[in-house]
């Protein structure tokens, strides 16, 4: 009988404590940063417009300026990663073997979709006129910490009608310090 009474007391105390926790949770509104992030529907549209404009500007740039233009629109890490990917097994200073490239970047990027030995944004070496056939947002993250960037993922198809070529990619864009940058390009097969 004593065991039953003691068990009942523990059960009542646990229920009361749980009820108090619910009351605390219900009476505290979301922090202002979280609520503000949820109230920015235009941010994804801004990211899309920025991406489309950046791609257009990149492919209109003089061939000698493409590297500089790529640096302007990508994160430092992605620029270094893609530069390594383009130069795998090439006879240039700093060139890595495929295995060295994979080992170096496997913890930061999906090296299977790097576009090894192919150009930035498209796998073709030559092009005439690259246009965006499709640019659709497929994902947006809301950062938990103020120091984390907002991440947007876009499903993009770049086309060169004259060469009858299409280049499907997924492009990750981040917003950090009120500016957008390409953080990754995943080449589709």
C-alpha atoms as a PDB file:
ATOM      1  CA  UNK A   1       0.000   0.000   0.000  1.00  0.00           C
ATOM      2  CA  UNK A   2       2.842   2.362   0.898  1.00  0.00           C
ATOM      3  CA  UNK A   3       4.437   1.675  -2.502  1.00  0.00           C
ATOM      4  CA  UNK A   4       1.195   2.600  -4.272  1.00  0.00           C
ATOM      5  CA  UNK A   5       0.886   5.887  -2.357  1.00  0.00           C
ATOM      6  CA  UNK A   6       4.533   6.799  -3.064  1.00  0.00           C
ATOM      7  CA  UNK A   7       4.116   5.946  -6.759  1.00  0.00           C
ATOM      8  CA  UNK A   8       0.938   8.074  -6.903  1.00  0.00           C
ATOM      9  CA  UNK A   9       2.755  11.039  -5.341  1.00  0.00           C
ATOM     10  CA  UNK A  10       5.582  10.772  -7.878  1.00  0.00           C
ATOM     11  CA  UNK A  11       3.071  10.571 -10.731  1.00  0.00           C
ATOM     12  CA  UNK A  12       1.153  13.662  -9.528  1.00  0.00           C
ATOM     13  CA  UNK A  13       4.395  15.620  -9.096  1.00  0.00           C
ATOM     14  CA  UNK A  14       5.557  14.687 -12.584  1.00  0.00           C
ATOM     15  CA  UNK A  15       2.206  15.721 -14.125  1.00  0.00           C
ATOM     16  CA  UNK A  16       2.266  19.046 -12.291  1.00  0.00           C
ATOM     17  CA  UNK A  17       5.851  19.741 -13.441  1.00  0.00           C
ATOM     18  CA  UNK A  18       4.942  18.895 -17.075  1.00  0.00           C
ATOM     19  CA  UNK A  19       1.928  21.242 -16.902  1.00  0.00           C
ATOM     20  CA  UNK A  20       4.172  24.068 -15.633  1.00  0.00           C
ATOM     21  CA  UNK A  21       6.610  23.489 -18.534  1.00  0.00           C
ATOM     22  CA  UNK A  22       3.734  23.758 -21.047  1.00  0.00           C
ATOM     23  CA  UNK A  23       2.589  27.017 -19.474  1.00  0.00           C
ATOM     24  CA  UNK A  24       6.085  28.485 -19.759  1.00  0.00           C
ATOM     25  CA  UNK A  25       6.395  27.463 -23.408  1.00  0.00           C
ATOM     26  CA  UNK A  26       2.961  28.827 -24.333  1.00  0.00           C
ATOM     27  CA  UNK A  27       3.555  32.257 -22.808  1.00  0.00           C
ATOM     28  CA  UNK A  28       6.875  33.088 -24.483  1.00  0.00           C
ATOM     29  CA  UNK A  29       6.653  34.435 -28.064  1.00  0.00           C
ATOM     30  CA  UNK A  30       9.262  33.655 -30.724  1.00  0.00           C
ATOM     31  CA  UNK A  31      12.407  35.781 -30.593  1.00  0.00           C
ATOM     32  CA  UNK A  32      12.255  38.826 -32.875  1.00  0.00           C
ATOM     33  CA  UNK A  33      15.058  37.531 -35.145  1.00  0.00           C
ATOM     34  CA  UNK A  34      13.093  34.350 -35.929  1.00  0.00           C
ATOM     35  CA  UNK A  35       9.867  36.225 -36.533  1.00  0.00           C
ATOM     36  CA  UNK A  36      11.683  38.738 -38.753  1.00  0.00           C
ATOM     37  CA  UNK A  37      13.252  35.953 -40.843  1.00  0.00           C
ATOM     38  CA  UNK A  38       9.835  34.423 -41.422  1.00  0.00           C
ATOM     39  CA  UNK A  39       8.459  37.779 -42.608  1.00  0.00           C
ATOM     40  CA  UNK A  40      10.881  38.234 -45.529  1.00  0.00           C
ATOM     41  CA  UNK A  41       9.168  36.563 -48.486  1.00  0.00           C
ATOM     42  CA  UNK A  42      10.925  38.884 -50.956  1.00  0.00           C
ATOM     43  CA  UNK A  43      14.367  37.654 -49.915  1.00  0.00           C
ATOM     44  CA  UNK A  44      14.076  34.485 -52.008  1.00  0.00           C
ATOM     45  CA  UNK A  45      12.913  36.516 -55.009  1.00  0.00           C
ATOM     46  CA  UNK A  46      15.875  38.868 -54.506  1.00  0.00           C
ATOM     47  CA  UNK A  47      18.218  35.857 -54.416  1.00  0.00           C
ATOM     48  CA  UNK A  48      16.710  34.521 -57.641  1.00  0.00           C
ATOM     49  CA  UNK A  49      17.051  37.865 -59.427  1.00  0.00           C
ATOM     50  CA  UNK A  50      20.623  38.227 -58.203  1.00  0.00           C
ATOM     51  CA  UNK A  51      21.478  34.705 -59.406  1.00  0.00           C
ATOM     52  CA  UNK A  52      19.945  35.242 -62.844  1.00  0.00           C
ATOM     53  CA  UNK A  53      21.730  38.582 -63.279  1.00  0.00           C
ATOM     54  CA  UNK A  54      25.045  37.137 -62.069  1.00  0.00           C
ATOM     55  CA  UNK A  55      24.847  34.190 -64.486  1.00  0.00           C
ATOM     56  CA  UNK A  56      23.966  36.502 -67.369  1.00  0.00           C
ATOM     57  CA  UNK A  57      26.841  38.872 -66.528  1.00  0.00           C
ATOM     58  CA  UNK A  58      29.294  35.983 -66.149  1.00  0.00           C
ATOM     59  CA  UNK A  59      28.624  34.609 -69.630  1.00  0.00           C
ATOM     60  CA  UNK A  60      28.741  38.082 -71.206  1.00  0.00           C
ATOM     61  CA  UNK A  61      32.183  38.744 -69.716  1.00  0.00           C
ATOM     62  CA  UNK A  62      35.340  38.681 -71.839  1.00  0.00           C
ATOM     63  CA  UNK A  63      37.060  35.265 -71.656  1.00  0.00           C
ATOM     64  CA  UNK A  64      40.120  36.777 -69.973  1.00  0.00           C
ATOM     65  CA  UNK A  65      37.911  38.170 -67.167  1.00  0.00           C
ATOM     66  CA  UNK A  66      35.901  35.043 -66.360  1.00  0.00           C
ATOM     67  CA  UNK A  67      38.074  34.019 -63.417  1.00  0.00           C
ATOM     68  CA  UNK A  68      37.781  37.467 -61.829  1.00  0.00           C
ATOM     69  CA  UNK A  69      33.997  37.455 -62.400  1.00  0.00           C
ATOM     70  CA  UNK A  70      33.723  33.988 -60.838  1.00  0.00           C
ATOM     71  CA  UNK A  71      35.576  35.228 -57.744  1.00  0.00           C
ATOM     72  CA  UNK A  72      33.145  38.155 -57.413  1.00  0.00           C
ATOM     73  CA  UNK A  73      30.024  35.972 -57.339  1.00  0.00           C
ATOM     74  CA  UNK A  74      31.210  32.940 -55.335  1.00  0.00           C
ATOM     75  CA  UNK A  75      32.284  32.291 -51.769  1.00  0.00           C
ATOM     76  CA  UNK A  76      36.025  31.991 -51.211  1.00  0.00           C
ATOM     77  CA  UNK A  77      35.705  28.277 -50.337  1.00  0.00           C
ATOM     78  CA  UNK A  78      33.625  27.449 -53.390  1.00  0.00           C
ATOM     79  CA  UNK A  79      35.988  29.374 -55.673  1.00  0.00           C
ATOM     80  CA  UNK A  80      38.989  27.385 -54.376  1.00  0.00           C
ATOM     81  CA  UNK A  81      37.032  24.112 -54.577  1.00  0.00           C
ATOM     82  CA  UNK A  82      35.855  24.674 -58.158  1.00  0.00           C
ATOM     83  CA  UNK A  83      39.289  25.863 -59.258  1.00  0.00           C
ATOM     84  CA  UNK A  84      40.758  22.630 -57.873  1.00  0.00           C
ATOM     85  CA  UNK A  85      38.013  20.626 -59.645  1.00  0.00           C
ATOM     86  CA  UNK A  86      38.667  22.297 -63.001  1.00  0.00           C
ATOM     87  CA  UNK A  87      42.398  21.570 -62.728  1.00  0.00           C
ATOM     88  CA  UNK A  88      42.335  17.914 -61.597  1.00  0.00           C
ATOM     89  CA  UNK A  89      45.167  15.995 -63.300  1.00  0.00           C
ATOM     90  CA  UNK A  90      46.107  19.045 -65.414  1.00  0.00           C
ATOM     91  CA  UNK A  91      49.695  20.008 -65.983  1.00  0.00           C
ATOM     92  CA  UNK A  92      49.488  23.249 -63.967  1.00  0.00           C
ATOM     93  CA  UNK A  93      50.968  24.392 -60.664  1.00  0.00           C
ATOM     94  CA  UNK A  94      48.916  23.197 -57.709  1.00  0.00           C
ATOM     95  CA  UNK A  95      46.992  20.619 -59.762  1.00  0.00           C
ATOM     96  CA  UNK A  96      45.676  17.700 -57.712  1.00  0.00           C
ATOM     97  CA  UNK A  97      45.038  14.111 -58.682  1.00  0.00           C
ATOM     98  CA  UNK A  98      41.409  13.016 -58.487  1.00  0.00           C
ATOM     99  CA  UNK A  99      42.070  11.155 -55.231  1.00  0.00           C
ATOM    100  CA  UNK A 100      43.839  14.183 -53.695  1.00  0.00           C
ATOM    101  CA  UNK A 101      40.944  16.427 -54.758  1.00  0.00           C
ATOM    102  CA  UNK A 102      38.360  14.091 -53.235  1.00  0.00           C
ATOM    103  CA  UNK A 103      40.286  13.782 -49.969  1.00  0.00           C
ATOM    104  CA  UNK A 104      40.810  17.528 -49.704  1.00  0.00           C
ATOM    105  CA  UNK A 105      37.167  18.531 -50.237  1.00  0.00           C
ATOM    106  CA  UNK A 106      35.021  15.504 -49.242  1.00  0.00           C
ATOM    107  CA  UNK A 107      34.104  17.002 -45.853  1.00  0.00           C
ATOM    108  CA  UNK A 108      32.999  20.352 -47.302  1.00  0.00           C
ATOM    109  CA  UNK A 109      31.335  19.562 -50.652  1.00  0.00           C
ATOM    110  CA  UNK A 110      29.704  16.725 -52.581  1.00  0.00           C
ATOM    111  CA  UNK A 111      32.772  15.906 -54.673  1.00  0.00           C
ATOM    112  CA  UNK A 112      30.764  13.527 -56.885  1.00  0.00           C
ATOM    113  CA  UNK A 113      28.902  16.536 -58.326  1.00  0.00           C
ATOM    114  CA  UNK A 114      31.871  18.930 -58.563  1.00  0.00           C
ATOM    115  CA  UNK A 115      32.170  18.980 -62.323  1.00  0.00           C
ATOM    116  CA  UNK A 116      35.751  17.737 -62.392  1.00  0.00           C
ATOM    117  CA  UNK A 117      37.597  19.000 -65.500  1.00  0.00           C
ATOM    118  CA  UNK A 118      34.630  21.127 -66.556  1.00  0.00           C
ATOM    119  CA  UNK A 119      33.948  24.832 -66.400  1.00  0.00           C
ATOM    120  CA  UNK A 120      32.087  26.940 -63.887  1.00  0.00           C
ATOM    121  CA  UNK A 121      28.261  26.603 -64.190  1.00  0.00           C
ATOM    122  CA  UNK A 122      28.399  24.549 -67.403  1.00  0.00           C
ATOM    123  CA  UNK A 123      30.244  21.379 -68.304  1.00  0.00           C
ATOM    124  CA  UNK A 124      30.919  22.506 -71.876  1.00  0.00           C
ATOM    125  CA  UNK A 125      34.269  24.018 -72.791  1.00  0.00           C
ATOM    126  CA  UNK A 126      32.827  26.198 -75.562  1.00  0.00           C
ATOM    127  CA  UNK A 127      29.588  28.110 -75.796  1.00  0.00           C
ATOM    128  CA  UNK A 128      27.963  30.696 -78.026  1.00  0.00           C
ATOM    129  CA  UNK A 129      25.143  32.200 -75.997  1.00  0.00           C
ATOM    130  CA  UNK A 130      24.130  30.831 -72.595  1.00  0.00           C
ATOM    131  CA  UNK A 131      20.578  31.576 -71.463  1.00  0.00           C
ATOM    132  CA  UNK A 132      18.671  30.522 -68.354  1.00  0.00           C
ATOM    133  CA  UNK A 133      15.867  28.139 -69.393  1.00  0.00           C
ATOM    134  CA  UNK A 134      14.790  27.415 -65.839  1.00  0.00           C
ATOM    135  CA  UNK A 135      15.494  28.907 -62.426  1.00  0.00           C
ATOM    136  CA  UNK A 136      13.229  27.588 -59.713  1.00  0.00           C
ATOM    137  CA  UNK A 137      13.784  27.816 -55.981  1.00  0.00           C
ATOM    138  CA  UNK A 138      13.613  24.402 -54.331  1.00  0.00           C
ATOM    139  CA  UNK A 139      14.809  25.187 -50.798  1.00  0.00           C
ATOM    140  CA  UNK A 140      15.350  28.015 -48.322  1.00  0.00           C
ATOM    141  CA  UNK A 141      16.810  27.681 -44.857  1.00  0.00           C
ATOM    142  CA  UNK A 142      16.085  29.960 -41.947  1.00  0.00           C
ATOM    143  CA  UNK A 143      19.223  30.216 -39.825  1.00  0.00           C
ATOM    144  CA  UNK A 144      18.962  29.322 -36.159  1.00  0.00           C
ATOM    145  CA  UNK A 145      21.809  31.632 -35.209  1.00  0.00           C
ATOM    146  CA  UNK A 146      22.218  35.228 -36.307  1.00  0.00           C
ATOM    147  CA  UNK A 147      25.772  34.454 -37.475  1.00  0.00           C
ATOM    148  CA  UNK A 148      24.589  31.765 -39.940  1.00  0.00           C
ATOM    149  CA  UNK A 149      23.743  32.732 -43.528  1.00  0.00           C
ATOM    150  CA  UNK A 150      20.354  32.233 -45.158  1.00  0.00           C
ATOM    151  CA  UNK A 151      20.679  29.463 -47.773  1.00  0.00           C
ATOM    152  CA  UNK A 152      18.663  29.232 -51.000  1.00  0.00           C
ATOM    153  CA  UNK A 153      18.818  26.285 -53.414  1.00  0.00           C
ATOM    154  CA  UNK A 154      17.804  26.750 -57.042  1.00  0.00           C
ATOM    155  CA  UNK A 155      17.140  24.164 -59.735  1.00  0.00           C
ATOM    156  CA  UNK A 156      18.653  25.758 -62.839  1.00  0.00           C
ATOM    157  CA  UNK A 157      18.921  24.770 -66.482  1.00  0.00           C
ATOM    158  CA  UNK A 158      21.336  26.748 -68.645  1.00  0.00           C
ATOM    159  CA  UNK A 159      20.937  26.422 -72.403  1.00  0.00           C
ATOM    160  CA  UNK A 160      22.959  27.156 -75.502  1.00  0.00           C
ATOM    161  CA  UNK A 161      20.442  26.945 -78.324  1.00  0.00           C
ATOM    162  CA  UNK A 162      23.037  27.382 -81.105  1.00  0.00           C
ATOM    163  CA  UNK A 163      25.049  24.394 -79.864  1.00  0.00           C
ATOM    164  CA  UNK A 164      21.885  22.506 -78.885  1.00  0.00           C
ATOM    165  CA  UNK A 165      23.172  22.006 -75.319  1.00  0.00           C
ATOM    166  CA  UNK A 166      21.540  22.053 -71.902  1.00  0.00           C
ATOM    167  CA  UNK A 167      23.291  22.151 -68.538  1.00  0.00           C
ATOM    168  CA  UNK A 168      21.114  21.197 -65.543  1.00  0.00           C
ATOM    169  CA  UNK A 169      22.589  22.228 -62.177  1.00  0.00           C
ATOM    170  CA  UNK A 170      21.528  22.959 -58.627  1.00  0.00           C
ATOM    171  CA  UNK A 171      22.961  26.201 -57.321  1.00  0.00           C
ATOM    172  CA  UNK A 172      23.252  27.036 -53.652  1.00  0.00           C
ATOM    173  CA  UNK A 173      23.138  30.766 -52.936  1.00  0.00           C
ATOM    174  CA  UNK A 174      23.806  32.236 -49.505  1.00  0.00           C
ATOM    175  CA  UNK A 175      22.908  35.624 -48.113  1.00  0.00           C
ATOM    176  CA  UNK A 176      25.538  36.905 -45.774  1.00  0.00           C
ATOM    177  CA  UNK A 177      26.166  40.501 -44.697  1.00  0.00           C
ATOM    178  CA  UNK A 178      23.344  41.739 -46.958  1.00  0.00           C
ATOM    179  CA  UNK A 179      24.872  40.291 -50.135  1.00  0.00           C
ATOM    180  CA  UNK A 180      24.393  37.086 -52.095  1.00  0.00           C
ATOM    181  CA  UNK A 181      27.097  34.630 -53.175  1.00  0.00           C
ATOM    182  CA  UNK A 182      27.149  31.242 -54.895  1.00  0.00           C
ATOM    183  CA  UNK A 183      28.254  28.689 -52.298  1.00  0.00           C
ATOM    184  CA  UNK A 184      27.998  25.524 -54.423  1.00  0.00           C
ATOM    185  CA  UNK A 185      27.041  24.272 -57.877  1.00  0.00           C
ATOM    186  CA  UNK A 186      25.968  20.637 -58.114  1.00  0.00           C
ATOM    187  CA  UNK A 187      26.183  19.272 -61.623  1.00  0.00           C
ATOM    188  CA  UNK A 188      23.427  16.876 -62.596  1.00  0.00           C
ATOM    189  CA  UNK A 189      24.042  13.954 -64.902  1.00  0.00           C
END
